[in-house]
N, C-alpha and C. Protein backbone atom coordinates (compact mmCIF):
# COMPACT_ATOMS: atom_id res chain seq x y z
N MET A 1 12.89 138.50 124.48
CA MET A 1 12.50 137.21 124.22
C MET A 1 11.33 137.07 123.28
N THR A 2 11.46 136.39 122.11
CA THR A 2 10.39 136.46 121.10
C THR A 2 10.05 135.15 120.64
N ARG A 3 8.70 134.92 120.42
CA ARG A 3 8.32 133.60 119.90
C ARG A 3 7.77 133.87 118.40
N TRP A 4 8.69 133.87 117.46
CA TRP A 4 8.33 134.09 116.11
C TRP A 4 7.95 132.79 115.35
N GLY A 5 7.12 132.92 114.34
CA GLY A 5 6.94 131.78 113.40
C GLY A 5 5.73 130.94 113.81
N ALA A 6 4.90 131.33 114.71
CA ALA A 6 3.74 130.46 115.08
C ALA A 6 2.74 130.40 113.90
N SER A 7 2.49 131.55 113.24
CA SER A 7 1.57 131.55 112.13
C SER A 7 1.98 130.73 111.05
N VAL A 8 3.32 130.69 110.79
CA VAL A 8 3.81 129.87 109.66
C VAL A 8 3.62 128.34 109.90
N SER A 9 3.86 127.97 111.16
CA SER A 9 3.82 126.51 111.50
C SER A 9 2.35 125.99 111.26
N ALA A 10 1.35 126.83 111.30
CA ALA A 10 -0.06 126.38 111.13
C ALA A 10 -0.26 125.95 109.76
N LEU A 11 0.53 126.36 108.73
CA LEU A 11 0.29 126.04 107.45
C LEU A 11 0.86 124.67 106.97
N ASN A 12 1.52 123.98 107.91
CA ASN A 12 2.15 122.69 107.59
C ASN A 12 1.74 121.73 108.72
N ASP A 13 1.91 120.44 108.51
CA ASP A 13 1.63 119.44 109.42
C ASP A 13 2.83 119.56 110.48
N PRO A 14 2.49 119.78 111.76
CA PRO A 14 3.53 119.98 112.76
C PRO A 14 4.35 118.72 113.05
N HIS A 15 3.84 117.53 112.61
CA HIS A 15 4.54 116.29 112.84
C HIS A 15 5.70 116.17 111.83
N GLU A 16 5.77 116.94 110.82
CA GLU A 16 6.79 116.96 109.82
C GLU A 16 7.80 118.05 109.96
N ARG A 17 7.71 118.83 111.06
CA ARG A 17 8.58 119.97 111.26
C ARG A 17 9.40 119.83 112.48
N HIS A 18 10.61 120.23 112.46
CA HIS A 18 11.56 120.15 113.60
C HIS A 18 11.65 121.55 114.26
N ARG A 19 11.54 121.51 115.49
CA ARG A 19 11.51 122.72 116.29
C ARG A 19 12.91 123.35 116.41
N VAL A 20 13.00 124.67 116.19
CA VAL A 20 14.31 125.34 116.28
C VAL A 20 14.26 126.57 117.13
N LEU A 21 15.15 126.76 118.05
CA LEU A 21 15.25 127.90 118.91
C LEU A 21 16.56 128.78 118.43
N VAL A 22 16.42 129.99 118.38
CA VAL A 22 17.56 130.88 118.01
C VAL A 22 17.94 131.66 119.29
N VAL A 23 19.30 131.64 119.62
CA VAL A 23 19.82 132.47 120.68
C VAL A 23 20.96 133.24 120.24
N ASP A 24 20.78 134.52 119.98
CA ASP A 24 21.85 135.41 119.53
C ASP A 24 21.52 136.86 119.98
N ASP A 25 22.54 137.57 120.51
CA ASP A 25 22.29 138.89 121.05
C ASP A 25 22.31 139.95 120.05
N GLN A 26 22.76 139.66 118.78
CA GLN A 26 22.76 140.63 117.76
C GLN A 26 21.42 140.57 117.01
N THR A 27 20.55 141.55 117.01
CA THR A 27 19.27 141.59 116.61
C THR A 27 19.16 141.19 115.09
N LEU A 28 20.00 141.90 114.30
CA LEU A 28 19.95 141.57 112.85
C LEU A 28 20.26 140.13 112.60
N THR A 29 21.31 139.61 113.23
CA THR A 29 21.66 138.21 112.96
C THR A 29 20.54 137.32 113.43
N ALA A 30 20.00 137.50 114.57
CA ALA A 30 18.88 136.73 115.13
C ALA A 30 17.73 136.67 114.22
N LYS A 31 17.32 137.85 113.60
CA LYS A 31 16.23 137.93 112.67
C LYS A 31 16.57 137.22 111.41
N TYR A 32 17.79 137.24 110.92
CA TYR A 32 18.16 136.58 109.75
C TYR A 32 18.03 135.03 109.90
N LEU A 33 18.61 134.57 111.07
CA LEU A 33 18.52 133.13 111.37
C LEU A 33 17.15 132.66 111.45
N ALA A 34 16.28 133.50 112.18
CA ALA A 34 14.91 133.18 112.40
C ALA A 34 14.15 133.09 111.04
N ASN A 35 14.41 134.07 110.18
CA ASN A 35 13.71 134.05 108.87
C ASN A 35 14.18 132.85 108.06
N SER A 36 15.41 132.46 108.18
CA SER A 36 15.90 131.25 107.40
C SER A 36 15.20 130.08 107.85
N VAL A 37 14.90 129.91 109.18
CA VAL A 37 14.18 128.82 109.67
C VAL A 37 12.74 128.83 109.27
N VAL A 38 12.07 130.00 109.33
CA VAL A 38 10.68 130.13 108.99
C VAL A 38 10.37 129.70 107.53
N HIS A 39 11.34 130.00 106.62
CA HIS A 39 11.12 129.80 105.22
C HIS A 39 11.40 128.39 104.78
N ARG A 40 11.65 127.56 105.74
CA ARG A 40 11.84 126.06 105.35
C ARG A 40 10.57 125.30 105.93
N SER A 41 10.02 124.50 104.98
CA SER A 41 8.82 123.81 105.38
C SER A 41 9.04 122.69 106.37
N ASP A 42 10.34 122.22 106.52
CA ASP A 42 10.64 121.16 107.37
C ASP A 42 11.07 121.65 108.88
N LEU A 43 11.05 122.92 109.03
CA LEU A 43 11.42 123.55 110.33
C LEU A 43 10.36 124.44 110.86
N GLU A 44 10.35 124.51 112.24
CA GLU A 44 9.44 125.44 112.90
C GLU A 44 10.19 126.29 113.85
N LEU A 45 10.13 127.53 113.85
CA LEU A 45 10.80 128.47 114.72
C LEU A 45 9.91 128.56 116.06
N VAL A 46 10.45 128.17 117.11
CA VAL A 46 9.68 128.26 118.35
C VAL A 46 10.04 129.35 119.25
N GLY A 47 11.11 130.16 118.87
CA GLY A 47 11.44 131.34 119.66
C GLY A 47 12.75 131.84 119.34
N THR A 48 13.00 133.19 119.79
CA THR A 48 14.27 133.81 119.55
C THR A 48 14.62 134.46 120.95
N ALA A 49 15.77 134.19 121.39
CA ALA A 49 16.23 134.85 122.66
C ALA A 49 17.54 135.63 122.40
N PHE A 50 17.73 136.69 123.21
CA PHE A 50 18.84 137.58 122.98
C PHE A 50 19.85 137.61 124.14
N SER A 51 19.66 136.63 125.03
CA SER A 51 20.59 136.54 126.24
C SER A 51 20.54 135.01 126.65
N LEU A 52 21.55 134.74 127.50
CA LEU A 52 21.67 133.37 128.05
C LEU A 52 20.40 132.96 128.95
N ALA A 53 20.05 133.96 129.79
CA ALA A 53 18.88 133.70 130.66
C ALA A 53 17.67 133.44 129.88
N GLU A 54 17.40 134.15 128.85
CA GLU A 54 16.23 134.01 128.05
C GLU A 54 16.32 132.75 127.20
N GLY A 55 17.52 132.45 126.79
CA GLY A 55 17.73 131.20 126.05
C GLY A 55 17.40 129.99 126.84
N LEU A 56 17.87 129.94 128.12
CA LEU A 56 17.68 128.83 128.94
C LEU A 56 16.14 128.71 129.30
N THR A 57 15.48 129.82 129.47
CA THR A 57 14.10 129.79 129.75
C THR A 57 13.29 129.16 128.52
N LEU A 58 13.59 129.71 127.32
CA LEU A 58 12.95 129.16 126.11
C LEU A 58 13.25 127.71 125.81
N LEU A 59 14.52 127.37 126.08
CA LEU A 59 14.90 125.97 125.89
C LEU A 59 14.02 125.04 126.63
N ASN A 60 13.76 125.30 127.90
CA ASN A 60 12.90 124.45 128.69
C ASN A 60 11.38 124.59 128.42
N ASP A 61 11.03 125.83 127.94
CA ASP A 61 9.57 126.02 127.65
C ASP A 61 9.13 125.36 126.40
N THR A 62 10.05 125.53 125.39
CA THR A 62 9.72 125.13 123.99
C THR A 62 10.21 123.77 123.61
N GLN A 63 11.29 123.20 124.28
CA GLN A 63 11.85 121.92 124.09
C GLN A 63 12.12 121.77 122.54
N PRO A 64 13.03 122.57 122.02
CA PRO A 64 13.33 122.48 120.57
C PRO A 64 14.23 121.21 120.26
N ARG A 65 14.14 120.88 118.99
CA ARG A 65 15.03 119.76 118.52
C ARG A 65 16.45 120.33 118.25
N ILE A 66 16.50 121.56 117.74
CA ILE A 66 17.72 122.27 117.49
C ILE A 66 17.81 123.60 118.13
N VAL A 67 18.96 123.95 118.73
CA VAL A 67 19.15 125.35 119.27
C VAL A 67 20.38 125.98 118.56
N LEU A 68 20.15 127.03 117.89
CA LEU A 68 21.30 127.80 117.32
C LEU A 68 21.90 128.68 118.44
N VAL A 69 23.16 128.58 118.65
CA VAL A 69 23.74 129.31 119.84
C VAL A 69 24.93 130.14 119.47
N ASP A 70 24.83 131.39 119.90
CA ASP A 70 26.01 132.33 119.80
C ASP A 70 26.78 132.19 121.09
N LEU A 71 28.02 132.03 120.99
CA LEU A 71 28.90 131.85 122.21
C LEU A 71 29.05 133.08 123.03
N GLY A 72 29.06 134.27 122.45
CA GLY A 72 29.14 135.49 123.22
C GLY A 72 27.95 136.16 123.46
N LEU A 73 27.35 135.93 124.68
CA LEU A 73 26.08 136.48 125.02
C LEU A 73 26.25 137.54 126.11
N PRO A 74 25.45 138.53 126.26
CA PRO A 74 25.67 139.62 127.23
C PRO A 74 25.74 139.24 128.69
N ASP A 75 25.04 138.18 129.01
CA ASP A 75 24.98 137.77 130.46
C ASP A 75 25.62 136.44 130.74
N GLY A 76 26.48 135.95 129.81
CA GLY A 76 27.20 134.67 130.01
C GLY A 76 27.60 134.01 128.71
N SER A 77 28.08 132.85 128.85
CA SER A 77 28.61 132.09 127.67
C SER A 77 27.54 131.19 127.11
N GLY A 78 27.45 131.10 125.81
CA GLY A 78 26.60 130.17 125.12
C GLY A 78 26.96 128.69 125.45
N LEU A 79 28.16 128.51 126.02
CA LEU A 79 28.51 127.10 126.42
C LEU A 79 27.53 126.54 127.40
N GLU A 80 26.99 127.37 128.30
CA GLU A 80 25.99 126.96 129.23
C GLU A 80 24.82 126.44 128.62
N LEU A 81 24.39 127.13 127.50
CA LEU A 81 23.16 126.66 126.78
C LEU A 81 23.45 125.39 126.10
N LEU A 82 24.63 125.22 125.52
CA LEU A 82 25.02 123.97 124.91
C LEU A 82 24.98 122.77 125.90
N LYS A 83 25.53 123.00 127.10
CA LYS A 83 25.50 122.00 128.13
C LYS A 83 24.04 121.61 128.58
N ALA A 84 23.21 122.65 128.62
CA ALA A 84 21.82 122.43 128.98
C ALA A 84 21.05 121.66 127.86
N ALA A 85 21.41 121.93 126.64
CA ALA A 85 20.85 121.25 125.53
C ALA A 85 21.24 119.72 125.52
N SER A 86 22.55 119.48 125.74
CA SER A 86 23.10 118.12 125.82
C SER A 86 22.45 117.34 126.96
N ARG A 87 22.05 117.98 128.01
CA ARG A 87 21.47 117.26 129.18
C ARG A 87 19.99 117.14 129.10
N ALA A 88 19.35 117.75 128.09
CA ALA A 88 17.92 117.79 128.00
C ALA A 88 17.35 116.38 127.98
N SER A 89 16.08 116.27 128.47
CA SER A 89 15.41 115.03 128.53
C SER A 89 14.75 114.63 127.24
N TRP A 90 14.77 115.51 126.28
CA TRP A 90 14.28 115.16 124.97
C TRP A 90 15.45 115.36 123.95
N PRO A 91 15.39 114.83 122.72
CA PRO A 91 16.48 114.94 121.72
C PRO A 91 16.67 116.49 121.41
N CYS A 92 17.88 116.91 121.61
CA CYS A 92 18.16 118.38 121.35
C CYS A 92 19.59 118.56 121.05
N ASP A 93 19.86 119.10 119.88
CA ASP A 93 21.26 119.28 119.44
C ASP A 93 21.55 120.80 119.32
N GLY A 94 22.79 121.16 119.77
CA GLY A 94 23.18 122.56 119.73
C GLY A 94 24.07 122.82 118.54
N LEU A 95 23.77 123.84 117.81
CA LEU A 95 24.62 124.22 116.58
C LEU A 95 25.15 125.65 116.89
N VAL A 96 26.39 125.73 117.04
CA VAL A 96 27.10 127.04 117.29
C VAL A 96 27.09 127.89 116.02
N VAL A 97 26.72 129.13 116.14
CA VAL A 97 26.76 130.12 115.10
C VAL A 97 27.42 131.39 115.76
N THR A 98 28.67 131.65 115.43
CA THR A 98 29.42 132.61 116.14
C THR A 98 30.62 133.24 115.27
N VAL A 99 31.13 134.26 115.87
CA VAL A 99 32.29 134.95 115.27
C VAL A 99 33.64 134.35 115.73
N PHE A 100 33.56 133.62 116.85
CA PHE A 100 34.70 133.06 117.42
C PHE A 100 35.18 131.79 116.77
N GLY A 101 36.34 131.86 116.13
CA GLY A 101 36.88 130.73 115.44
C GLY A 101 38.19 130.18 115.97
N ASP A 102 38.59 130.63 117.16
CA ASP A 102 39.90 130.17 117.74
C ASP A 102 39.72 128.71 118.20
N GLU A 103 40.80 128.02 118.35
CA GLU A 103 40.78 126.61 118.73
C GLU A 103 40.22 126.36 120.12
N ALA A 104 40.46 127.33 121.02
CA ALA A 104 39.92 127.15 122.35
C ALA A 104 38.41 127.20 122.39
N SER A 105 37.86 128.13 121.65
CA SER A 105 36.38 128.28 121.53
C SER A 105 35.76 127.07 120.87
N VAL A 106 36.34 126.56 119.84
CA VAL A 106 35.89 125.37 119.13
C VAL A 106 35.82 124.22 120.02
N PHE A 107 36.90 123.88 120.65
CA PHE A 107 36.90 122.68 121.47
C PHE A 107 36.12 122.79 122.78
N SER A 108 36.10 124.00 123.32
CA SER A 108 35.18 124.25 124.46
C SER A 108 33.79 123.93 124.07
N ALA A 109 33.37 124.39 122.90
CA ALA A 109 31.99 124.17 122.39
C ALA A 109 31.77 122.66 122.26
N ILE A 110 32.71 121.90 121.59
CA ILE A 110 32.53 120.50 121.38
C ILE A 110 32.41 119.79 122.68
N ARG A 111 33.16 120.19 123.66
CA ARG A 111 33.19 119.53 124.93
C ARG A 111 31.85 119.89 125.67
N ALA A 112 31.28 121.00 125.43
CA ALA A 112 30.06 121.37 126.07
C ALA A 112 28.83 120.71 125.35
N GLY A 113 29.04 120.06 124.25
CA GLY A 113 28.03 119.31 123.56
C GLY A 113 27.61 119.79 122.25
N ALA A 114 28.31 120.78 121.65
CA ALA A 114 27.96 121.19 120.28
C ALA A 114 28.01 120.15 119.32
N ARG A 115 27.11 120.11 118.36
CA ARG A 115 27.06 119.13 117.34
C ARG A 115 27.45 119.65 116.03
N GLY A 116 27.76 121.00 115.98
CA GLY A 116 28.16 121.63 114.74
C GLY A 116 28.71 122.98 115.06
N TYR A 117 29.46 123.59 114.10
CA TYR A 117 30.03 124.94 114.41
C TYR A 117 30.16 125.73 113.14
N ILE A 118 29.39 126.77 113.05
CA ILE A 118 29.39 127.59 111.90
C ILE A 118 29.82 128.97 112.23
N LEU A 119 30.82 129.53 111.46
CA LEU A 119 31.30 130.95 111.61
C LEU A 119 30.35 131.92 110.88
N LYS A 120 30.05 132.93 111.52
CA LYS A 120 29.23 133.96 110.84
C LYS A 120 29.96 134.61 109.67
N SER A 121 31.32 134.69 109.77
CA SER A 121 32.09 135.33 108.72
C SER A 121 32.20 134.45 107.48
N SER A 122 31.94 133.14 107.54
CA SER A 122 32.02 132.35 106.38
C SER A 122 30.63 132.26 105.63
N GLY A 123 29.70 132.93 106.16
CA GLY A 123 28.38 132.97 105.59
C GLY A 123 27.39 132.05 106.22
N ILE A 124 26.18 132.63 106.51
CA ILE A 124 25.14 131.78 107.17
C ILE A 124 23.90 131.68 106.33
N GLU A 125 24.13 131.95 105.00
CA GLU A 125 23.02 131.93 104.08
C GLU A 125 22.48 130.45 103.90
N HIS A 126 23.29 129.44 104.24
CA HIS A 126 22.85 128.11 104.08
C HIS A 126 22.47 127.43 105.38
N ILE A 127 22.10 128.31 106.40
CA ILE A 127 21.86 127.73 107.74
C ILE A 127 20.76 126.77 107.77
N GLY A 128 19.70 126.88 106.89
CA GLY A 128 18.63 125.89 106.88
C GLY A 128 19.15 124.49 106.45
N GLN A 129 20.01 124.54 105.45
CA GLN A 129 20.59 123.19 105.02
C GLN A 129 21.42 122.61 106.10
N GLN A 130 22.15 123.52 106.80
CA GLN A 130 23.08 122.98 107.83
C GLN A 130 22.34 122.45 109.00
N ILE A 131 21.14 123.01 109.32
CA ILE A 131 20.25 122.47 110.40
C ILE A 131 19.81 121.09 109.91
N ALA A 132 19.30 120.96 108.61
CA ALA A 132 18.84 119.73 108.13
C ALA A 132 19.88 118.66 108.18
N MET A 133 21.16 119.00 107.93
CA MET A 133 22.26 118.13 107.97
C MET A 133 22.51 117.59 109.45
N LEU A 134 22.31 118.47 110.40
CA LEU A 134 22.50 118.13 111.81
C LEU A 134 21.43 117.15 112.15
N ILE A 135 20.16 117.37 111.76
CA ILE A 135 19.04 116.56 112.10
C ILE A 135 19.27 115.16 111.48
N GLU A 136 19.91 115.13 110.32
CA GLU A 136 20.17 113.83 109.64
C GLU A 136 21.30 113.10 110.31
N GLY A 137 21.96 113.64 111.25
CA GLY A 137 23.05 112.99 111.98
C GLY A 137 24.41 113.48 111.65
N GLY A 138 24.53 114.50 110.76
CA GLY A 138 25.81 115.11 110.43
C GLY A 138 26.24 116.10 111.47
N SER A 139 27.39 116.63 111.23
CA SER A 139 28.03 117.69 112.06
C SER A 139 28.59 118.81 111.20
N PRO A 140 27.57 119.71 110.89
CA PRO A 140 28.00 120.84 109.93
C PRO A 140 29.05 121.73 110.56
N MET A 141 30.02 122.05 109.73
CA MET A 141 31.10 122.97 110.25
C MET A 141 31.57 123.85 109.09
N SER A 142 31.96 125.07 109.42
CA SER A 142 32.60 125.89 108.38
C SER A 142 33.85 125.23 108.03
N PRO A 143 34.22 125.28 106.74
CA PRO A 143 35.49 124.59 106.30
C PRO A 143 36.68 124.78 107.15
N ILE A 144 36.90 126.10 107.53
CA ILE A 144 38.05 126.38 108.26
C ILE A 144 38.06 125.81 109.68
N ILE A 145 36.86 125.65 110.17
CA ILE A 145 36.72 124.92 111.48
C ILE A 145 37.02 123.48 111.38
N ALA A 146 36.41 122.82 110.38
CA ALA A 146 36.65 121.43 110.17
C ALA A 146 38.19 121.21 109.96
N ARG A 147 38.82 121.98 109.20
CA ARG A 147 40.29 121.83 108.98
C ARG A 147 41.03 121.98 110.29
N SER A 148 40.63 122.92 111.10
CA SER A 148 41.25 123.15 112.37
C SER A 148 41.13 121.88 113.31
N VAL A 149 39.90 121.32 113.32
CA VAL A 149 39.61 120.23 114.16
C VAL A 149 40.47 118.98 113.71
N LEU A 150 40.46 118.74 112.43
CA LEU A 150 41.24 117.60 111.91
C LEU A 150 42.76 117.82 112.14
N SER A 151 43.19 119.01 112.03
CA SER A 151 44.64 119.38 112.20
C SER A 151 45.01 119.08 113.63
N LEU A 152 44.22 119.53 114.61
CA LEU A 152 44.49 119.32 116.02
C LEU A 152 44.50 117.85 116.40
N VAL A 153 43.52 117.12 115.77
CA VAL A 153 43.51 115.71 116.07
C VAL A 153 44.80 115.01 115.52
N ALA A 154 45.11 115.40 114.27
CA ALA A 154 46.32 114.79 113.68
C ALA A 154 47.59 115.09 114.42
N ASN A 155 47.66 116.26 114.96
CA ASN A 155 48.91 116.69 115.63
C ASN A 155 48.95 116.55 117.15
N ALA A 156 47.88 115.94 117.65
CA ALA A 156 47.77 115.75 119.10
C ALA A 156 48.76 114.73 119.48
N ASN A 157 49.23 114.84 120.75
CA ASN A 157 50.22 113.91 121.30
C ASN A 157 49.43 112.72 121.84
N ILE A 158 49.22 111.81 120.92
CA ILE A 158 48.33 110.64 121.24
C ILE A 158 49.10 109.37 121.38
N ASP A 159 48.84 108.61 122.53
CA ASP A 159 49.46 107.33 122.75
C ASP A 159 48.37 106.30 122.85
N PRO A 160 47.98 105.73 121.70
CA PRO A 160 46.84 104.78 121.72
C PRO A 160 47.28 103.48 122.33
N SER A 161 47.02 103.25 123.57
CA SER A 161 47.41 101.99 124.15
C SER A 161 46.62 100.81 123.67
N PRO A 162 47.24 99.63 123.54
CA PRO A 162 46.48 98.42 122.94
C PRO A 162 45.24 98.17 123.74
N SER A 163 45.27 98.35 125.06
CA SER A 163 44.10 98.06 125.82
C SER A 163 42.91 98.86 125.44
N ARG A 164 43.08 100.15 125.19
CA ARG A 164 42.04 101.04 124.82
C ARG A 164 41.47 100.68 123.44
N ALA A 165 42.44 100.36 122.50
CA ALA A 165 42.03 100.05 121.12
C ALA A 165 41.28 98.71 121.13
N ASP A 166 41.77 97.72 121.90
CA ASP A 166 41.15 96.43 121.91
C ASP A 166 39.75 96.44 122.53
N ALA A 167 39.47 97.45 123.36
CA ALA A 167 38.20 97.58 124.03
C ALA A 167 37.10 97.94 123.09
N VAL A 168 37.51 98.53 121.85
CA VAL A 168 36.50 98.87 120.87
C VAL A 168 36.84 98.21 119.56
N THR A 169 35.86 97.41 119.06
CA THR A 169 36.12 96.71 117.83
C THR A 169 35.06 97.15 116.75
N LEU A 170 35.51 97.78 115.72
CA LEU A 170 34.56 98.17 114.63
C LEU A 170 34.61 97.11 113.61
N THR A 171 33.41 96.81 112.95
CA THR A 171 33.42 95.94 111.84
C THR A 171 34.12 96.66 110.60
N PRO A 172 34.53 95.90 109.67
CA PRO A 172 35.19 96.52 108.48
C PRO A 172 34.30 97.59 107.81
N ARG A 173 33.00 97.36 107.75
CA ARG A 173 32.15 98.28 107.16
C ARG A 173 31.96 99.54 107.99
N GLU A 174 31.85 99.34 109.37
CA GLU A 174 31.78 100.52 110.22
C GLU A 174 33.05 101.40 110.12
N SER A 175 34.24 100.72 110.08
CA SER A 175 35.48 101.52 109.89
C SER A 175 35.53 102.29 108.57
N GLU A 176 34.92 101.58 107.49
CA GLU A 176 34.90 102.19 106.18
C GLU A 176 33.99 103.43 106.22
N VAL A 177 32.84 103.30 106.87
CA VAL A 177 31.85 104.43 106.95
C VAL A 177 32.52 105.62 107.75
N LEU A 178 33.12 105.21 108.89
CA LEU A 178 33.75 106.25 109.74
C LEU A 178 34.85 106.98 108.95
N SER A 179 35.72 106.27 108.21
CA SER A 179 36.73 106.84 107.51
C SER A 179 36.21 107.84 106.47
N LEU A 180 35.11 107.57 105.86
CA LEU A 180 34.48 108.44 104.83
C LEU A 180 33.93 109.71 105.59
N ILE A 181 33.39 109.44 106.67
CA ILE A 181 32.91 110.65 107.53
C ILE A 181 33.98 111.53 107.88
N ALA A 182 35.13 110.99 108.21
CA ALA A 182 36.33 111.70 108.58
C ALA A 182 36.79 112.60 107.43
N ARG A 183 36.51 112.16 106.22
CA ARG A 183 36.92 112.81 104.97
C ARG A 183 35.91 113.86 104.57
N GLY A 184 34.82 113.94 105.28
CA GLY A 184 33.81 114.99 105.09
C GLY A 184 32.64 114.58 104.21
N TYR A 185 32.51 113.27 103.89
CA TYR A 185 31.37 112.84 103.10
C TYR A 185 30.08 112.81 103.91
N LYS A 186 28.94 113.14 103.20
CA LYS A 186 27.65 113.08 103.86
C LYS A 186 27.05 111.64 103.75
N ARG A 187 26.00 111.39 104.55
CA ARG A 187 25.47 110.07 104.57
C ARG A 187 24.97 109.62 103.13
N ALA A 188 24.32 110.48 102.39
CA ALA A 188 23.82 110.17 101.06
C ALA A 188 25.00 109.81 100.11
N GLU A 189 26.03 110.62 100.26
CA GLU A 189 27.20 110.34 99.40
C GLU A 189 27.92 109.01 99.77
N ILE A 190 27.91 108.72 101.07
CA ILE A 190 28.52 107.43 101.49
C ILE A 190 27.68 106.27 101.02
N ALA A 191 26.39 106.43 101.10
CA ALA A 191 25.44 105.43 100.54
C ALA A 191 25.74 105.11 99.12
N THR A 192 25.91 106.10 98.31
CA THR A 192 26.12 105.95 96.86
C THR A 192 27.56 105.32 96.66
N MET A 193 28.51 105.78 97.35
CA MET A 193 29.88 105.24 97.17
C MET A 193 30.00 103.76 97.56
N LEU A 194 29.23 103.38 98.68
CA LEU A 194 29.31 102.00 99.02
C LEU A 194 28.22 101.12 98.57
N ALA A 195 27.28 101.72 97.74
CA ALA A 195 26.13 101.05 97.12
C ALA A 195 25.24 100.37 98.19
N ILE A 196 24.97 101.12 99.15
CA ILE A 196 24.03 100.65 100.23
C ILE A 196 23.01 101.79 100.51
N ALA A 197 21.95 101.42 101.18
CA ALA A 197 20.92 102.37 101.53
C ALA A 197 21.36 103.40 102.60
N ILE A 198 20.74 104.67 102.51
CA ILE A 198 21.07 105.63 103.43
C ILE A 198 20.73 105.15 104.91
N GLY A 199 19.68 104.47 105.00
CA GLY A 199 19.27 103.93 106.38
C GLY A 199 20.35 102.91 106.93
N THR A 200 20.93 102.21 105.96
CA THR A 200 22.01 101.28 106.39
C THR A 200 23.31 102.02 106.91
N VAL A 201 23.57 103.15 106.24
CA VAL A 201 24.66 104.05 106.60
C VAL A 201 24.38 104.47 108.07
N GLY A 202 23.07 104.98 108.26
CA GLY A 202 22.69 105.49 109.54
C GLY A 202 22.88 104.43 110.67
N ASN A 203 22.50 103.17 110.30
CA ASN A 203 22.62 102.11 111.26
C ASN A 203 24.12 101.86 111.66
N HIS A 204 24.96 101.84 110.64
CA HIS A 204 26.39 101.71 110.92
C HIS A 204 26.88 102.89 111.86
N ILE A 205 26.49 104.18 111.54
CA ILE A 205 26.95 105.29 112.30
C ILE A 205 26.37 105.17 113.73
N ASN A 206 25.14 104.75 113.93
CA ASN A 206 24.58 104.58 115.27
C ASN A 206 25.32 103.54 116.05
N SER A 207 25.78 102.44 115.40
CA SER A 207 26.55 101.36 115.98
C SER A 207 27.93 101.94 116.44
N VAL A 208 28.49 102.78 115.55
CA VAL A 208 29.85 103.37 115.89
C VAL A 208 29.71 104.19 117.17
N TYR A 209 28.57 105.03 117.24
CA TYR A 209 28.35 105.90 118.32
C TYR A 209 28.22 105.11 119.65
N ARG A 210 27.53 104.02 119.54
CA ARG A 210 27.39 103.17 120.79
C ARG A 210 28.70 102.59 121.24
N LYS A 211 29.45 102.04 120.32
CA LYS A 211 30.76 101.40 120.67
C LYS A 211 31.75 102.44 121.20
N LEU A 212 31.77 103.64 120.61
CA LEU A 212 32.71 104.64 121.08
C LEU A 212 32.21 105.51 122.15
N GLU A 213 30.94 105.33 122.44
CA GLU A 213 30.24 106.13 123.54
C GLU A 213 30.40 107.62 123.19
N VAL A 214 29.97 108.04 122.05
CA VAL A 214 29.95 109.44 121.60
C VAL A 214 28.56 109.74 121.05
N ARG A 215 28.34 111.01 120.69
CA ARG A 215 27.06 111.41 120.19
C ARG A 215 27.14 112.22 118.84
N SER A 216 28.27 112.38 118.29
CA SER A 216 28.41 113.19 117.09
C SER A 216 29.55 112.60 116.22
N ASN A 217 29.48 113.03 114.89
CA ASN A 217 30.55 112.61 113.97
C ASN A 217 31.94 113.04 114.37
N THR A 218 31.95 114.33 114.84
CA THR A 218 33.18 114.92 115.24
C THR A 218 33.80 114.16 116.41
N GLU A 219 32.97 113.79 117.51
CA GLU A 219 33.48 113.09 118.62
C GLU A 219 34.00 111.62 118.13
N ALA A 220 33.20 111.02 117.23
CA ALA A 220 33.49 109.74 116.83
C ALA A 220 34.89 109.67 116.12
N VAL A 221 35.07 110.58 115.16
CA VAL A 221 36.31 110.64 114.46
C VAL A 221 37.44 110.98 115.46
N ALA A 222 37.28 111.89 116.32
CA ALA A 222 38.38 112.25 117.30
C ALA A 222 38.69 111.03 118.15
N LYS A 223 37.66 110.40 118.67
CA LYS A 223 37.93 109.30 119.65
C LYS A 223 38.55 108.02 118.86
N ALA A 224 37.98 107.78 117.70
CA ALA A 224 38.55 106.63 116.87
C ALA A 224 40.04 106.85 116.59
N THR A 225 40.33 108.08 116.28
CA THR A 225 41.69 108.43 115.97
C THR A 225 42.64 108.32 117.22
N GLN A 226 42.13 108.72 118.30
CA GLN A 226 42.84 108.63 119.59
C GLN A 226 43.16 107.21 119.96
N ILE A 227 42.24 106.30 119.82
CA ILE A 227 42.43 104.97 120.27
C ILE A 227 42.99 104.05 119.12
N GLY A 228 43.21 104.62 117.94
CA GLY A 228 43.83 103.96 116.82
C GLY A 228 42.90 102.93 116.08
N VAL A 229 41.63 103.14 116.03
CA VAL A 229 40.80 102.14 115.33
C VAL A 229 40.46 102.60 113.90
N ILE A 230 40.93 103.83 113.50
CA ILE A 230 40.84 104.23 112.13
C ILE A 230 42.16 104.92 111.76
């Protein structure tokens, strides 16, 4: 269990930095992820853990805003860490960084509370940007994972009953924003396309989250598709 990055955080205003915890049992990968965090001025590395037990301890001790989670840990599943992060008393989002790209792993992670899913094989050189995207309200995913999620949603045996659809009413603008999210556009891109402020896009997304009772873009798209509102 390691607490790296403390000296770097002193160089910047801590109020402008988001706390990040790395949990990965592969030493080289963990160091790479940690270094990627340390070299961003908007992020602060609060610790690195190499097992589930260490990760859970550091999660509670450091209260990070973001936790990077490997699913295959030597003493258990990273799913337990995702669940703990989603139940945290402070804002905490879990971003999966793993080699497991099968559909069962992806949806188990989403159900456990993952807000993004990155495959190590697709490259983690942009992990800092992906963390920033997550903090801004996005759900970063490797392209092959995003395609898999959308494919499963499209091919699911869904029977959207009128009662379920009628229970949720999105405004035309909310539906428009959610449809663009489903197509993979980021908030800034949506703001430009619709000629509105990024903050306004965020307000529409937050309203959609409340109405659909979800916490991420992926969940919102999946649920809206299931009940037939987009």
